[in-house]
Amino acid sequence: MLPEDKMPEAEVTLRLAISLIENEHVTDDIKVAIDGAQVKTKNTIHFPIIEFLNTQGWITADNKERWQGKYSNKKYPISIIVHSSSGEGDLVAALKSGRKLRVESKKGTLRRSKSSQEYPLIREAIGQLMTVEYAEESDILAVAVPKSEKFDALAEQWRIRPLIKRTGLYIITVGRDNSISGLSEVGI
């Protein structure tokens, strides 16, 4: 179902949403924006979003043919709302602290490769985050990437860079086990 050596962008975003809900960091439904091309183009399915969420315990009462909709899990009072509108970020979540988490996610490899795709992917996500159409002064801005040896090392280095710190930007790594790191400063 999922490629062993890479994590698609939709998977990064959805695993982050699931982790935030499972660990009770949010107060309301999480909005997740996924570009349709990440899911399917013509007859090719790139990421089986409905099946993925179902295996994680999240199901929709909406039309089973459409991947956009509200996904619920019996264990939690909070849902994941999947849509395809752009401009707000890939994930928007109301945190228990009263602030809003706004995230741009990127895909990536899970194993070391000869090419350093990780650098341009994180840089692209930072650029996208800085140009979202909607953001509030109090929002926590973050980039989310797959947890891997290279992404972890890069995230660790870049989290302490002066301009990253000054802007308050967070770099989150997301594991296949729904673990997240990089938000400890905000209590997550």
C-alpha atoms as a PDB file:
ATOM      1  CA  MET A   1       0.000   0.000   0.000  1.00  0.00           C
ATOM      2  CA  LEU A   2       2.656   2.581   1.017  1.00  0.00           C
ATOM      3  CA  PRO A   3       6.107   2.774  -0.551  1.00  0.00           C
ATOM      4  CA  GLU A   4       8.764   1.461   1.847  1.00  0.00           C
ATOM      5  CA  ASP A   5      11.456   3.965   0.938  1.00  0.00           C
ATOM      6  CA  LYS A   6       9.499   7.231   0.796  1.00  0.00           C
ATOM      7  CA  MET A   7       6.649   9.057   2.459  1.00  0.00           C
ATOM      8  CA  PRO A   8       4.205  10.985   0.267  1.00  0.00           C
ATOM      9  CA  GLU A   9       3.258  14.528   1.291  1.00  0.00           C
ATOM     10  CA  ALA A  10      -0.337  13.542   2.059  1.00  0.00           C
ATOM     11  CA  GLU A  11       0.914  10.831   4.420  1.00  0.00           C
ATOM     12  CA  VAL A  12       3.167  13.305   6.271  1.00  0.00           C
ATOM     13  CA  THR A  13       0.249  15.700   6.781  1.00  0.00           C
ATOM     14  CA  LEU A  14      -2.255  13.031   7.817  1.00  0.00           C
ATOM     15  CA  ARG A  15       0.149  11.338  10.253  1.00  0.00           C
ATOM     16  CA  LEU A  16       0.809  14.727  11.863  1.00  0.00           C
ATOM     17  CA  ALA A  17      -2.944  15.328  12.199  1.00  0.00           C
ATOM     18  CA  ILE A  18      -3.476  11.872  13.707  1.00  0.00           C
ATOM     19  CA  SER A  19      -0.618  12.384  16.175  1.00  0.00           C
ATOM     20  CA  LEU A  20      -1.965  15.762  17.305  1.00  0.00           C
ATOM     21  CA  ILE A  21      -5.379  14.208  17.949  1.00  0.00           C
ATOM     22  CA  GLU A  22      -4.113  10.988  19.580  1.00  0.00           C
ATOM     23  CA  ASN A  23      -1.911  12.972  21.965  1.00  0.00           C
ATOM     24  CA  GLU A  24      -4.703  15.416  22.811  1.00  0.00           C
ATOM     25  CA  HIS A  25      -2.908  18.559  21.612  1.00  0.00           C
ATOM     26  CA  VAL A  26      -5.926  20.015  19.771  1.00  0.00           C
ATOM     27  CA  THR A  27      -9.317  21.423  20.734  1.00  0.00           C
ATOM     28  CA  ASP A  28     -11.185  21.235  17.447  1.00  0.00           C
ATOM     29  CA  ASP A  29     -11.318  19.385  14.137  1.00  0.00           C
ATOM     30  CA  ILE A  30      -8.078  19.551  12.142  1.00  0.00           C
ATOM     31  CA  LYS A  31      -8.251  20.860   8.592  1.00  0.00           C
ATOM     32  CA  VAL A  32      -5.979  19.130   6.100  1.00  0.00           C
ATOM     33  CA  ALA A  33      -5.519  20.439   2.547  1.00  0.00           C
ATOM     34  CA  ILE A  34      -4.439  17.855   0.016  1.00  0.00           C
ATOM     35  CA  ASP A  35      -3.941  18.614  -3.658  1.00  0.00           C
ATOM     36  CA  GLY A  36      -5.923  16.173  -5.782  1.00  0.00           C
ATOM     37  CA  ALA A  37      -2.829  15.382  -7.870  1.00  0.00           C
ATOM     38  CA  GLN A  38      -1.212  13.903  -4.741  1.00  0.00           C
ATOM     39  CA  VAL A  39      -4.062  11.403  -4.553  1.00  0.00           C
ATOM     40  CA  LYS A  40      -4.875  10.531  -8.161  1.00  0.00           C
ATOM     41  CA  THR A  41      -4.182  11.614 -11.736  1.00  0.00           C
ATOM     42  CA  LYS A  42      -6.385  10.116 -14.444  1.00  0.00           C
ATOM     43  CA  ASN A  43      -6.451   6.395 -13.570  1.00  0.00           C
ATOM     44  CA  THR A  44      -3.291   6.357 -11.443  1.00  0.00           C
ATOM     45  CA  ILE A  45      -3.680   6.375  -7.669  1.00  0.00           C
ATOM     46  CA  HIS A  46      -0.628   7.985  -6.068  1.00  0.00           C
ATOM     47  CA  PHE A  47      -1.821   7.865  -2.466  1.00  0.00           C
ATOM     48  CA  PRO A  48      -4.833   5.761  -1.418  1.00  0.00           C
ATOM     49  CA  ILE A  49      -6.110   8.299   1.108  1.00  0.00           C
ATOM     50  CA  ILE A  50      -9.386   6.596   2.062  1.00  0.00           C
ATOM     51  CA  GLU A  51      -7.706   3.212   2.574  1.00  0.00           C
ATOM     52  CA  PHE A  52      -4.825   4.808   4.501  1.00  0.00           C
ATOM     53  CA  LEU A  53      -7.141   6.621   6.891  1.00  0.00           C
ATOM     54  CA  ASN A  54      -9.327   3.523   7.285  1.00  0.00           C
ATOM     55  CA  THR A  55      -6.320   1.399   8.319  1.00  0.00           C
ATOM     56  CA  GLN A  56      -5.504   4.098  10.917  1.00  0.00           C
ATOM     57  CA  GLY A  57      -9.062   3.842  12.301  1.00  0.00           C
ATOM     58  CA  TRP A  58     -10.443   6.959  10.582  1.00  0.00           C
ATOM     59  CA  ILE A  59     -13.584   6.575   8.491  1.00  0.00           C
ATOM     60  CA  THR A  60     -15.903   8.974   6.712  1.00  0.00           C
ATOM     61  CA  ALA A  61     -19.669   9.108   6.797  1.00  0.00           C
ATOM     62  CA  ASP A  62     -19.507  11.183   3.621  1.00  0.00           C
ATOM     63  CA  ASN A  63     -19.573   9.782   0.098  1.00  0.00           C
ATOM     64  CA  LYS A  64     -17.214   6.778   0.058  1.00  0.00           C
ATOM     65  CA  GLU A  65     -16.113   7.594  -3.500  1.00  0.00           C
ATOM     66  CA  ARG A  66     -14.793  11.075  -2.633  1.00  0.00           C
ATOM     67  CA  TRP A  67     -11.607  11.329  -0.605  1.00  0.00           C
ATOM     68  CA  GLN A  68     -12.481  14.838   0.574  1.00  0.00           C
ATOM     69  CA  GLY A  69     -14.647  14.913   3.664  1.00  0.00           C
ATOM     70  CA  LYS A  70     -14.794  14.546   7.426  1.00  0.00           C
ATOM     71  CA  TYR A  71     -13.041  11.505   8.906  1.00  0.00           C
ATOM     72  CA  SER A  72     -13.871  10.345  12.421  1.00  0.00           C
ATOM     73  CA  ASN A  73     -12.467   7.783  14.811  1.00  0.00           C
ATOM     74  CA  LYS A  74     -14.609   6.289  17.605  1.00  0.00           C
ATOM     75  CA  LYS A  75     -11.751   6.794  20.072  1.00  0.00           C
ATOM     76  CA  TYR A  76     -11.584  10.593  19.686  1.00  0.00           C
ATOM     77  CA  PRO A  77     -14.070  13.485  19.778  1.00  0.00           C
ATOM     78  CA  ILE A  78     -12.074  15.407  17.154  1.00  0.00           C
ATOM     79  CA  SER A  79     -12.201  14.736  13.401  1.00  0.00           C
ATOM     80  CA  ILE A  80      -9.927  15.301  10.433  1.00  0.00           C
ATOM     81  CA  ILE A  81     -11.484  17.382   7.658  1.00  0.00           C
ATOM     82  CA  VAL A  82      -9.771  16.706   4.329  1.00  0.00           C
ATOM     83  CA  HIS A  83     -10.263  19.291   1.578  1.00  0.00           C
ATOM     84  CA  SER A  84      -8.417  20.477  -1.510  1.00  0.00           C
ATOM     85  CA  SER A  85      -8.492  24.281  -1.054  1.00  0.00           C
ATOM     86  CA  SER A  86      -5.156  26.058  -1.088  1.00  0.00           C
ATOM     87  CA  GLY A  87      -3.886  29.187   0.622  1.00  0.00           C
ATOM     88  CA  GLU A  88      -4.096  28.296   4.323  1.00  0.00           C
ATOM     89  CA  GLY A  89      -1.442  25.612   4.667  1.00  0.00           C
ATOM     90  CA  ASP A  90      -1.490  21.835   4.439  1.00  0.00           C
ATOM     91  CA  LEU A  91      -2.637  21.483   8.050  1.00  0.00           C
ATOM     92  CA  VAL A  92      -4.417  23.947  10.320  1.00  0.00           C
ATOM     93  CA  ALA A  93      -5.093  22.934  13.922  1.00  0.00           C
ATOM     94  CA  ALA A  94      -6.368  24.771  16.999  1.00  0.00           C
ATOM     95  CA  LEU A  95      -3.990  23.871  19.836  1.00  0.00           C
ATOM     96  CA  LYS A  96      -4.886  23.621  23.514  1.00  0.00           C
ATOM     97  CA  SER A  97      -2.615  26.618  24.118  1.00  0.00           C
ATOM     98  CA  GLY A  98      -5.153  28.758  22.262  1.00  0.00           C
ATOM     99  CA  ARG A  99      -2.862  29.232  19.268  1.00  0.00           C
ATOM    100  CA  LYS A 100      -3.281  27.869  15.770  1.00  0.00           C
ATOM    101  CA  LEU A 101      -0.715  25.558  14.175  1.00  0.00           C
ATOM    102  CA  ARG A 102      -0.267  26.192  10.443  1.00  0.00           C
ATOM    103  CA  VAL A 103       1.899  23.658   8.573  1.00  0.00           C
ATOM    104  CA  GLU A 104       3.312  23.155   5.087  1.00  0.00           C
ATOM    105  CA  SER A 105       4.307  19.531   4.468  1.00  0.00           C
ATOM    106  CA  LYS A 106       6.714  17.899   2.057  1.00  0.00           C
ATOM    107  CA  LYS A 107       7.274  14.346   0.873  1.00  0.00           C
ATOM    108  CA  GLY A 108      10.632  12.666   1.102  1.00  0.00           C
ATOM    109  CA  THR A 109      12.749   9.566   1.179  1.00  0.00           C
ATOM    110  CA  LEU A 110      13.045   7.481   4.319  1.00  0.00           C
ATOM    111  CA  ARG A 111      16.470   6.092   3.451  1.00  0.00           C
ATOM    112  CA  ARG A 112      19.706   7.888   2.695  1.00  0.00           C
ATOM    113  CA  SER A 113      20.214   8.563  -0.961  1.00  0.00           C
ATOM    114  CA  LYS A 114      23.074   9.956  -3.011  1.00  0.00           C
ATOM    115  CA  SER A 115      21.075  13.027  -3.963  1.00  0.00           C
ATOM    116  CA  SER A 116      20.220  15.534  -1.263  1.00  0.00           C
ATOM    117  CA  GLN A 117      16.524  16.047  -2.002  1.00  0.00           C
ATOM    118  CA  GLU A 118      15.974  17.035   1.617  1.00  0.00           C
ATOM    119  CA  TYR A 119      17.559  20.498   1.285  1.00  0.00           C
ATOM    120  CA  PRO A 120      15.354  21.780  -1.565  1.00  0.00           C
ATOM    121  CA  LEU A 121      12.241  20.137  -0.101  1.00  0.00           C
ATOM    122  CA  ILE A 122      12.561  21.912   3.250  1.00  0.00           C
ATOM    123  CA  ARG A 123      13.470  25.188   1.529  1.00  0.00           C
ATOM    124  CA  GLU A 124      10.440  24.901  -0.746  1.00  0.00           C
ATOM    125  CA  ALA A 125       8.164  24.260   2.235  1.00  0.00           C
ATOM    126  CA  ILE A 126       9.585  27.294   4.060  1.00  0.00           C
ATOM    127  CA  GLY A 127       8.910  29.424   0.972  1.00  0.00           C
ATOM    128  CA  GLN A 128       5.347  28.122   0.676  1.00  0.00           C
ATOM    129  CA  LEU A 129       4.725  28.762   4.371  1.00  0.00           C
ATOM    130  CA  MET A 130       5.971  32.336   4.105  1.00  0.00           C
ATOM    131  CA  THR A 131       3.545  33.018   1.264  1.00  0.00           C
ATOM    132  CA  VAL A 132       0.287  31.488   2.586  1.00  0.00           C
ATOM    133  CA  GLU A 133      -2.701  33.724   1.938  1.00  0.00           C
ATOM    134  CA  TYR A 134      -4.213  33.450   5.414  1.00  0.00           C
ATOM    135  CA  ALA A 135      -2.310  33.625   8.682  1.00  0.00           C
ATOM    136  CA  GLU A 136      -2.755  35.346  12.000  1.00  0.00           C
ATOM    137  CA  GLU A 137      -0.082  37.043  14.098  1.00  0.00           C
ATOM    138  CA  SER A 138      -0.410  34.387  16.823  1.00  0.00           C
ATOM    139  CA  ASP A 139      -0.174  31.370  14.487  1.00  0.00           C
ATOM    140  CA  ILE A 140       2.582  28.843  15.036  1.00  0.00           C
ATOM    141  CA  LEU A 141       4.188  28.284  11.645  1.00  0.00           C
ATOM    142  CA  ALA A 142       5.828  24.972  10.858  1.00  0.00           C
ATOM    143  CA  VAL A 143       7.230  22.801   8.113  1.00  0.00           C
ATOM    144  CA  ALA A 144       6.628  19.031   8.328  1.00  0.00           C
ATOM    145  CA  VAL A 145       8.812  16.425   6.613  1.00  0.00           C
ATOM    146  CA  PRO A 146       9.239  12.652   6.943  1.00  0.00           C
ATOM    147  CA  LYS A 147      11.350  11.347   9.801  1.00  0.00           C
ATOM    148  CA  SER A 148      14.573   9.993   8.356  1.00  0.00           C
ATOM    149  CA  GLU A 149      18.244  10.146   9.207  1.00  0.00           C
ATOM    150  CA  LYS A 150      18.891  13.004   6.755  1.00  0.00           C
ATOM    151  CA  PHE A 151      15.732  15.015   7.510  1.00  0.00           C
ATOM    152  CA  ASP A 152      16.332  14.648  11.277  1.00  0.00           C
ATOM    153  CA  ALA A 153      19.930  15.914  10.949  1.00  0.00           C
ATOM    154  CA  LEU A 154      18.891  18.820   8.753  1.00  0.00           C
ATOM    155  CA  ALA A 155      15.972  19.755  11.003  1.00  0.00           C
ATOM    156  CA  GLU A 156      18.227  19.721  14.044  1.00  0.00           C
ATOM    157  CA  GLN A 157      20.771  22.006  12.329  1.00  0.00           C
ATOM    158  CA  TRP A 158      18.222  24.407  10.884  1.00  0.00           C
ATOM    159  CA  ARG A 159      16.101  24.751  14.050  1.00  0.00           C
ATOM    160  CA  ILE A 160      18.949  26.699  15.663  1.00  0.00           C
ATOM    161  CA  ARG A 161      19.763  28.930  12.683  1.00  0.00           C
ATOM    162  CA  PRO A 162      19.307  32.624  13.598  1.00  0.00           C
ATOM    163  CA  LEU A 163      16.594  33.554  11.079  1.00  0.00           C
ATOM    164  CA  ILE A 164      14.615  30.363  11.646  1.00  0.00           C
ATOM    165  CA  LYS A 165      14.660  31.081  15.394  1.00  0.00           C
ATOM    166  CA  ARG A 166      13.843  34.769  14.888  1.00  0.00           C
ATOM    167  CA  THR A 167      10.808  34.032  12.722  1.00  0.00           C
ATOM    168  CA  GLY A 168       9.636  31.371  15.181  1.00  0.00           C
ATOM    169  CA  LEU A 169       9.415  28.775  12.433  1.00  0.00           C
ATOM    170  CA  TYR A 170       9.315  25.127  13.529  1.00  0.00           C
ATOM    171  CA  ILE A 171      10.629  22.157  11.584  1.00  0.00           C
ATOM    172  CA  ILE A 172       8.721  18.977  12.409  1.00  0.00           C
ATOM    173  CA  THR A 173       9.722  15.447  11.483  1.00  0.00           C
ATOM    174  CA  VAL A 174       6.917  12.895  11.252  1.00  0.00           C
ATOM    175  CA  GLY A 175       7.473   9.155  11.617  1.00  0.00           C
ATOM    176  CA  ARG A 176       5.607   6.234  10.123  1.00  0.00           C
ATOM    177  CA  ASP A 177       4.582   5.411  13.691  1.00  0.00           C
ATOM    178  CA  ASN A 178       2.842   8.833  13.892  1.00  0.00           C
ATOM    179  CA  SER A 179       5.604  10.169  16.156  1.00  0.00           C
ATOM    180  CA  ILE A 180       6.508  13.828  15.783  1.00  0.00           C
ATOM    181  CA  SER A 181       9.465  15.899  16.904  1.00  0.00           C
ATOM    182  CA  GLY A 182      10.260  19.579  16.659  1.00  0.00           C
ATOM    183  CA  LEU A 183       7.378  21.125  18.569  1.00  0.00           C
ATOM    184  CA  SER A 184       8.545  20.591  22.150  1.00  0.00           C
ATOM    185  CA  GLU A 185       8.960  24.339  22.683  1.00  0.00           C
ATOM    186  CA  VAL A 186       5.187  24.776  22.339  1.00  0.00           C
ATOM    187  CA  GLY A 187       4.405  21.862  24.639  1.00  0.00           C
ATOM    188  CA  ILE A 188       4.049  19.200  21.964  1.00  0.00           C
END
